[in-house]
Protein backbone atom coordinates (compact mmCIF):
# COMPACT_ATOMS: atom_id res chain seq x y z
CA MET A 1 98.12 112.92 103.36
CA ARG A 2 99.26 109.09 102.88
CA PRO A 3 98.37 106.23 105.49
CA GLU A 4 101.29 104.98 107.33
CA PRO A 5 103.02 102.48 107.19
CA LEU A 6 104.19 102.88 103.47
CA HIS A 7 103.79 99.48 101.90
CA LEU A 8 106.93 99.26 99.47
CA ASP A 9 107.32 97.01 96.47
CA PRO A 10 111.02 97.68 96.21
CA ALA A 11 111.73 94.40 94.60
CA GLY A 12 108.81 94.94 92.12
CA LEU A 13 109.47 98.26 91.46
CA SER A 14 113.00 97.73 90.68
CA ASP A 15 112.30 95.16 88.36
CA ARG A 16 109.92 97.45 86.46
CA LEU A 17 112.57 100.12 86.48
CA HIS A 18 115.38 97.34 85.32
CA ASP A 19 113.36 96.41 82.43
CA ALA A 20 111.62 99.54 81.29
CA THR A 21 114.19 101.72 78.24
CA ALA A 22 113.02 105.06 79.34
CA LEU A 23 111.61 106.76 82.04
CA THR A 24 107.88 107.70 81.42
CA PRO A 25 105.51 110.30 83.37
CA LYS A 26 103.55 106.98 84.57
CA LEU A 27 106.20 105.31 85.50
CA MET A 28 107.77 108.39 87.83
CA SER A 29 103.81 108.84 89.27
CA GLU A 30 103.59 105.45 90.34
CA LEU A 31 107.32 105.71 91.89
CA VAL A 32 106.70 108.81 93.56
CA ALA A 33 103.05 107.49 94.90
CA SER A 34 104.60 104.16 96.30
CA VAL A 35 108.11 105.35 97.24
CA CYS A 36 107.95 108.49 98.53
CA ARG A 37 107.19 109.33 102.11
CA ARG A 38 107.96 113.30 102.05
CA PHE A 39 106.33 113.90 98.89
CA PRO A 40 104.69 116.66 98.60
CA SER A 41 106.58 118.10 101.66
CA PHE A 42 104.82 121.08 103.61
CA GLY A 43 108.03 121.64 105.29
CA GLN A 44 109.97 122.49 102.17
CA PRO A 45 107.60 123.56 99.61
CA GLU A 46 110.11 125.16 97.00
CA LYS A 47 111.69 121.94 96.50
CA THR A 48 108.34 120.07 96.02
CA ALA A 49 107.54 122.83 93.60
CA ARG A 50 111.10 122.09 92.13
CA ILE A 51 110.34 118.54 91.79
CA ARG A 52 107.08 119.09 90.33
CA GLU A 53 108.38 121.58 87.56
CA LEU A 54 111.00 118.68 86.88
CA ILE A 55 108.56 116.29 86.28
CA GLN A 56 106.44 118.32 84.02
CA LEU A 57 109.28 119.21 82.00
CA ARG A 58 110.34 115.62 81.58
CA ALA A 59 114.52 116.38 82.99
CA TRP A 60 114.10 112.84 84.73
CA THR A 61 117.96 113.19 85.71
CA ASP A 62 117.48 116.22 87.74
CA ALA A 63 114.13 115.33 89.03
CA SER A 64 115.50 112.00 90.14
CA LEU A 65 118.30 113.75 92.12
CA ALA A 66 115.82 116.14 93.56
CA LEU A 67 113.84 113.23 95.03
CA ILE A 68 116.86 112.11 96.43
CA ASP A 69 117.79 115.25 98.15
CA LEU A 70 113.99 115.20 99.38
CA GLU A 71 113.59 111.73 100.26
CA LEU A 72 116.91 110.57 101.84
CA PRO A 73 118.63 113.84 103.01
CA PHE A 74 121.32 111.91 104.95
CA TRP A 75 122.26 109.86 101.34
CA GLN A 76 124.25 111.58 98.70
CA VAL A 77 125.56 110.67 95.09
CA ARG A 78 128.91 109.04 95.81
CA ARG A 79 129.49 108.11 92.13
CA ILE A 80 127.99 108.39 88.75
CA ALA A 81 130.05 106.78 85.93
CA TYR A 82 129.53 105.42 82.19
CA ASP A 83 131.37 101.91 81.10
CA GLU A 84 130.28 99.66 78.31
CA GLY A 85 126.90 101.51 77.34
CA GLU A 86 125.42 101.60 81.09
CA TRP A 87 125.14 103.97 83.85
CA TYR A 88 126.31 103.12 87.26
CA CYS A 89 125.11 105.31 90.19
CA ALA A 90 126.31 104.67 93.70
CA LEU A 91 124.36 106.65 96.78
CA SER A 92 126.05 106.80 99.85
CA ARG A 93 125.53 107.79 103.70
CA GLU A 94 129.35 108.52 104.12
CA ARG A 95 130.70 109.79 101.00
CA GLU A 96 134.12 110.97 102.43
CA LEU A 97 135.06 107.44 103.42
CA PRO A 98 137.15 105.17 101.19
CA ASP A 99 135.27 102.91 98.92
CA TRP A 100 136.20 99.84 101.14
CA LEU A 101 134.75 101.36 103.89
CA ASP A 102 131.50 102.53 103.06
CA ARG A 103 128.06 100.62 102.37
CA SER A 104 127.11 102.29 99.37
CA VAL A 105 124.22 101.29 97.30
CA GLU A 106 124.93 100.64 93.54
CA ALA A 107 122.72 100.49 90.48
CA ARG A 108 123.32 100.20 86.93
CA HIS A 109 121.28 100.74 83.98
CA THR A 110 121.44 102.17 80.18
CA ASP A 111 119.59 105.09 81.14
CA LEU A 112 120.95 107.64 83.85
CA ALA A 113 117.95 108.35 85.38
CA LEU A 114 116.65 104.86 85.84
CA ALA A 115 120.11 104.06 87.11
CA ILE A 116 119.84 106.91 90.02
CA LEU A 117 116.18 105.71 90.39
CA SER A 118 117.41 102.20 90.99
CA ALA A 119 119.94 103.22 93.50
CA PHE A 120 117.59 105.63 95.31
CA ILE A 121 114.79 102.50 95.77
CA GLU A 122 117.32 100.45 97.34
CA ALA A 123 118.61 103.12 99.36
CA ARG A 124 114.73 103.55 100.35
CA ARG A 125 114.79 100.17 101.16
CA ILE A 126 117.41 99.99 103.62
CA SER A 127 116.42 103.25 105.21
CA SER A 128 113.08 102.17 105.98
CA PRO A 129 112.38 101.25 109.47
CA SER A 130 111.69 97.70 109.59
CA ILE A 131 108.65 96.13 111.68
CA GLN A 132 110.05 94.18 114.52
CA THR A 133 108.98 93.62 117.96
CA SER A 134 111.36 94.48 120.68
CA VAL A 135 111.27 91.05 122.07
CA PRO A 136 112.87 88.04 119.68
CA GLY A 137 110.35 85.27 118.31
CA VAL A 138 110.66 81.65 119.68
CA ALA A 139 110.85 78.92 116.98
CA PRO A 140 107.75 76.84 117.18
CA HIS A 141 109.57 73.42 117.50
CA GLY A 142 112.77 72.87 119.91
CA ASP A 143 116.38 71.91 119.17
CA GLU A 144 115.71 68.12 118.76
CA LEU A 145 118.74 67.28 121.35
CA TYR A 146 116.94 68.87 124.22
CA GLU A 147 114.11 67.06 125.67
CA ARG A 148 110.98 69.18 127.58
CA VAL A 149 110.90 68.60 130.95
CA ASN A 150 107.62 68.53 133.04
CA PRO A 151 108.50 70.80 136.23
CA ASP A 152 105.95 68.96 138.44
CA HIS A 153 108.33 65.56 138.39
CA PHE A 154 110.80 67.52 140.68
CA GLY A 155 108.91 68.11 143.60
């Protein structure tokens, strides 16, 4: 099992995907190892086996879509389009909403699988629980408009 919490470096991984010209087995392995929490899935072994098979066959687009299905079950592909030499991929939690109401995640790349995986990483980043305390923090320095008062002076 992987240690929790999962340490994501979405900016670094996104940059690597953006700079890549094509997906490689090494890059896909690094992505799965660093971003995927549910892979391998013990509750859904058929999905895990399918993803492994797609990766071995280097069916990158199908493997990318299968990873989204396994890792982000509430997210769906909203749109895939090709325009002026680039693939655009939009993932959404509310696909049935009009575009202007939906808060979708979009990515683009000259390679379709890399566009899908870039959107996947962004959706994963948004879906990751943030590590926050239940009590808000206090600024170390007070506002200059207020003076500190010693309660002993009021007695």
